[in-house]
């Protein structure tokens, strides 16, 4: 303990002379780090809002159309290119790629559809979204008649919540190849999963009936 106030003050001066710069540096680091964190968060939010606004513009362009005109497709390609440049890793950009693939497939441009889906598969960060993109890629490959590629694509990823779609598409492949037993097993799996999830799948039901599942 200190006998006088002067001794206590002198001790504090000595302590501060020894540790003061370190203390101030630590406090500055905390302040800068805290400010940097909120700056980063603000930038991320602004980027998200900008990507959302661009995606809304794309939704307005396509509306409820199932097929786009050549002019609409050109504008969609332009908007997609802008979105890729500004926000390549945004989920909105991946959704736009899926949209492009859908319209390309509707126009029977399967090569373009496959290209967009492969890009989306590489960019998607969410596993559930990856599974959906992978399934759509396999469907495009099926439309191209590449059965080996379809099965390889389906085998490349755990189906997760897309198990019904994966199993049904396997059935389609085996049915196309004339393997009734393998098709029946795949449709049976797909139908049982759909029933357990309360899904209404009339086309799957028709396939299951055709192959003796029901």
Protein backbone atom coordinates (compact mmCIF):
# COMPACT_ATOMS: atom_id res chain seq x y z
CA UNK A 1 0.00 0.00 0.00
CA UNK A 2 1.07 3.56 -0.60
CA UNK A 3 1.76 5.82 2.40
CA UNK A 4 0.95 9.07 0.61
CA UNK A 5 -1.08 10.25 -2.34
CA UNK A 6 2.13 11.41 -3.99
CA UNK A 7 3.53 7.84 -3.88
CA UNK A 8 0.34 6.47 -5.41
CA UNK A 9 0.39 9.07 -8.18
CA UNK A 10 4.06 8.32 -8.88
CA UNK A 11 3.33 4.60 -9.10
CA UNK A 12 0.52 5.23 -11.55
CA UNK A 13 2.84 7.38 -13.68
CA UNK A 14 5.46 4.63 -13.75
CA UNK A 15 2.84 1.99 -14.64
CA UNK A 16 1.44 4.15 -17.41
CA UNK A 17 4.92 4.93 -18.72
CA UNK A 18 5.55 1.18 -18.97
CA UNK A 19 2.18 -0.04 -20.23
CA UNK A 20 0.40 3.06 -21.51
CA UNK A 21 1.39 2.74 -25.18
CA UNK A 22 0.37 -0.92 -25.18
CA UNK A 23 -2.98 -0.06 -23.60
CA UNK A 24 -3.68 2.73 -26.07
CA UNK A 25 -2.65 0.51 -28.97
CA UNK A 26 -5.00 -2.21 -27.79
CA UNK A 27 -7.88 0.21 -27.45
CA UNK A 28 -7.22 1.62 -30.92
CA UNK A 29 -7.12 -1.89 -32.35
CA UNK A 30 -10.49 -2.67 -30.77
CA UNK A 31 -12.00 0.56 -32.08
CA UNK A 32 -10.62 0.05 -35.59
CA UNK A 33 -11.68 -3.60 -35.60
CA UNK A 34 -15.18 -2.73 -34.42
CA UNK A 35 -15.49 -0.02 -37.04
CA UNK A 36 -14.12 -2.31 -39.74
CA UNK A 37 -16.62 -5.00 -38.83
CA UNK A 38 -19.60 -2.67 -39.18
CA UNK A 39 -18.19 -1.20 -42.39
CA UNK A 40 -17.93 -4.73 -43.82
CA UNK A 41 -21.46 -5.54 -42.68
CA UNK A 42 -22.77 -2.38 -44.29
CA UNK A 43 -20.99 -3.15 -47.56
CA UNK A 44 -22.40 -6.67 -47.55
CA UNK A 45 -25.93 -5.39 -46.96
CA UNK A 46 -25.60 -2.83 -49.74
CA UNK A 47 -24.35 -5.53 -52.10
CA UNK A 48 -27.25 -7.78 -51.17
CA UNK A 49 -29.78 -5.02 -51.78
CA UNK A 50 -28.21 -4.13 -55.12
CA UNK A 51 -28.29 -7.79 -56.24
CA UNK A 52 -31.91 -8.03 -55.11
CA UNK A 53 -32.86 -4.93 -57.09
CA UNK A 54 -31.18 -6.30 -60.21
CA UNK A 55 -32.98 -9.62 -59.77
CA UNK A 56 -36.33 -7.84 -59.44
CA UNK A 57 -35.61 -6.14 -62.74
CA UNK A 58 -35.03 -9.56 -64.30
CA UNK A 59 -38.29 -10.89 -62.84
CA UNK A 60 -40.15 -7.96 -64.35
CA UNK A 61 -38.59 -8.75 -67.73
CA UNK A 62 -39.64 -12.41 -67.82
CA UNK A 63 -42.97 -12.03 -66.01
CA UNK A 64 -45.01 -15.23 -66.24
CA UNK A 65 -43.72 -16.17 -69.67
CA UNK A 66 -42.81 -19.77 -70.46
CA UNK A 67 -40.98 -18.81 -73.63
CA UNK A 68 -39.08 -15.58 -74.31
CA UNK A 69 -38.67 -13.76 -77.58
CA UNK A 70 -35.18 -13.36 -79.02
CA UNK A 71 -35.19 -9.73 -77.86
CA UNK A 72 -36.14 -10.75 -74.31
CA UNK A 73 -33.48 -13.45 -74.29
CA UNK A 74 -30.86 -10.92 -75.39
CA UNK A 75 -31.90 -8.53 -72.64
CA UNK A 76 -31.89 -11.35 -70.10
CA UNK A 77 -28.36 -12.31 -71.19
CA UNK A 78 -27.26 -8.69 -70.79
CA UNK A 79 -28.79 -8.38 -67.32
CA UNK A 80 -27.21 -11.68 -66.31
CA UNK A 81 -23.79 -10.52 -67.51
CA UNK A 82 -24.13 -7.32 -65.45
CA UNK A 83 -25.18 -9.32 -62.39
CA UNK A 84 -22.24 -11.71 -62.78
CA UNK A 85 -19.83 -8.80 -63.02
CA UNK A 86 -21.24 -7.02 -59.97
CA UNK A 87 -22.21 -9.98 -57.77
CA UNK A 88 -20.75 -13.26 -59.10
CA UNK A 89 -21.29 -15.14 -55.82
CA UNK A 90 -24.80 -13.92 -55.05
CA UNK A 91 -27.63 -16.43 -54.79
CA UNK A 92 -29.64 -14.06 -56.99
CA UNK A 93 -27.05 -14.57 -59.73
CA UNK A 94 -27.40 -18.34 -59.41
CA UNK A 95 -31.20 -18.01 -59.59
CA UNK A 96 -30.82 -15.97 -62.76
CA UNK A 97 -28.63 -18.67 -64.28
CA UNK A 98 -31.33 -21.23 -63.47
CA UNK A 99 -33.87 -18.98 -65.13
CA UNK A 100 -31.72 -18.68 -68.23
CA UNK A 101 -31.32 -22.46 -68.37
CA UNK A 102 -35.08 -22.94 -68.15
CA UNK A 103 -35.78 -20.58 -71.04
CA UNK A 104 -32.91 -22.04 -73.07
CA UNK A 105 -34.33 -25.53 -72.61
CA UNK A 106 -37.79 -24.27 -73.60
CA UNK A 107 -36.21 -22.93 -76.80
CA UNK A 108 -34.54 -26.36 -77.27
CA UNK A 109 -31.09 -24.85 -76.83
CA UNK A 110 -29.91 -27.65 -74.56
CA UNK A 111 -26.26 -26.76 -74.93
CA UNK A 112 -26.88 -23.28 -73.56
CA UNK A 113 -29.05 -24.71 -70.78
CA UNK A 114 -26.29 -27.12 -69.76
CA UNK A 115 -23.69 -24.35 -69.80
CA UNK A 116 -25.74 -22.15 -67.48
CA UNK A 117 -26.50 -25.02 -65.11
CA UNK A 118 -22.85 -26.00 -64.85
CA UNK A 119 -21.98 -22.39 -64.04
CA UNK A 120 -24.72 -22.28 -61.41
CA UNK A 121 -23.51 -25.54 -59.89
CA UNK A 122 -20.01 -24.12 -59.49
CA UNK A 123 -21.24 -20.86 -57.94
CA UNK A 124 -23.96 -22.17 -55.62
CA UNK A 125 -22.93 -22.16 -51.97
CA UNK A 126 -26.03 -23.68 -50.37
CA UNK A 127 -26.15 -27.49 -50.46
CA UNK A 128 -29.90 -27.66 -51.05
CA UNK A 129 -29.56 -25.30 -54.01
CA UNK A 130 -26.66 -27.37 -55.36
CA UNK A 131 -28.84 -30.49 -55.27
CA UNK A 132 -31.58 -28.73 -57.22
CA UNK A 133 -29.16 -27.41 -59.84
CA UNK A 134 -27.58 -30.85 -60.14
CA UNK A 135 -30.98 -32.45 -60.74
CA UNK A 136 -31.84 -29.92 -63.44
CA UNK A 137 -28.48 -30.53 -65.09
CA UNK A 138 -29.20 -34.27 -65.13
CA UNK A 139 -32.61 -33.60 -66.72
CA UNK A 140 -30.99 -31.58 -69.49
CA UNK A 141 -28.52 -34.40 -70.07
CA UNK A 142 -31.45 -36.81 -70.24
CA UNK A 143 -33.10 -34.60 -72.86
CA UNK A 144 -29.82 -34.78 -74.79
CA UNK A 145 -30.00 -38.57 -74.64
CA UNK A 146 -26.76 -38.95 -72.68
CA UNK A 147 -27.85 -41.65 -70.23
CA UNK A 148 -24.38 -42.34 -68.84
CA UNK A 149 -23.91 -38.64 -68.09
CA UNK A 150 -27.27 -38.51 -66.31
CA UNK A 151 -26.41 -41.38 -63.98
CA UNK A 152 -22.94 -39.95 -63.33
CA UNK A 153 -24.43 -36.57 -62.46
CA UNK A 154 -26.99 -38.11 -60.12
CA UNK A 155 -24.29 -40.22 -58.44
CA UNK A 156 -22.04 -37.19 -57.94
CA UNK A 157 -24.16 -35.71 -55.16
CA UNK A 158 -26.23 -36.84 -52.21
CA UNK A 159 -29.85 -36.07 -53.22
CA UNK A 160 -30.98 -34.86 -49.81
CA UNK A 161 -34.40 -33.23 -50.10
CA UNK A 162 -34.40 -33.95 -53.85
CA UNK A 163 -34.50 -37.73 -53.42
CA UNK A 164 -37.86 -38.10 -55.16
CA UNK A 165 -36.67 -36.28 -58.26
CA UNK A 166 -33.35 -38.15 -58.31
CA UNK A 167 -35.02 -41.57 -58.01
CA UNK A 168 -37.66 -40.74 -60.61
CA UNK A 169 -35.05 -39.59 -63.11
CA UNK A 170 -33.08 -42.79 -62.54
CA UNK A 171 -36.25 -44.64 -63.39
CA UNK A 172 -36.62 -42.61 -66.58
CA UNK A 173 -33.07 -43.50 -67.62
CA UNK A 174 -33.56 -47.23 -67.01
CA UNK A 175 -36.93 -47.13 -68.76
CA UNK A 176 -35.31 -45.50 -71.79
CA UNK A 177 -32.64 -48.20 -71.79
CA UNK A 178 -35.29 -50.91 -71.64
CA UNK A 179 -34.31 -52.17 -68.18
CA UNK A 180 -37.79 -52.69 -66.72
CA UNK A 181 -36.62 -54.14 -63.41
CA UNK A 182 -34.23 -51.28 -62.66
CA UNK A 183 -36.88 -48.77 -63.77
CA UNK A 184 -39.48 -50.42 -61.51
CA UNK A 185 -37.13 -50.30 -58.51
CA UNK A 186 -36.34 -46.62 -59.08
CA UNK A 187 -39.98 -45.65 -59.57
CA UNK A 188 -40.93 -47.65 -56.49
CA UNK A 189 -38.37 -45.74 -54.42
CA UNK A 190 -39.53 -42.42 -55.83
CA UNK A 191 -43.21 -43.22 -55.22
CA UNK A 192 -42.67 -44.36 -51.64
CA UNK A 193 -40.67 -41.22 -50.89
CA UNK A 194 -43.32 -39.01 -52.48
CA UNK A 195 -46.05 -40.69 -50.44
CA UNK A 196 -44.09 -40.32 -47.21
CA UNK A 197 -43.68 -36.60 -47.93
CA UNK A 198 -47.29 -36.07 -48.94
CA UNK A 199 -46.34 -35.02 -52.48
CA UNK A 200 -48.86 -35.07 -55.31
CA UNK A 201 -46.99 -36.40 -58.37
CA UNK A 202 -49.50 -37.54 -61.04
CA UNK A 203 -46.83 -38.22 -63.67
CA UNK A 204 -44.79 -40.28 -61.23
CA UNK A 205 -47.95 -42.18 -60.31
CA UNK A 206 -48.56 -42.98 -63.97
CA UNK A 207 -45.01 -44.29 -64.31
CA UNK A 208 -45.38 -46.36 -61.14
CA UNK A 209 -48.61 -47.87 -62.47
CA UNK A 210 -47.04 -48.62 -65.85
CA UNK A 211 -44.15 -50.49 -64.25
CA UNK A 212 -46.26 -52.44 -61.77
CA UNK A 213 -45.38 -50.51 -58.64
CA UNK A 214 -49.06 -49.84 -57.92
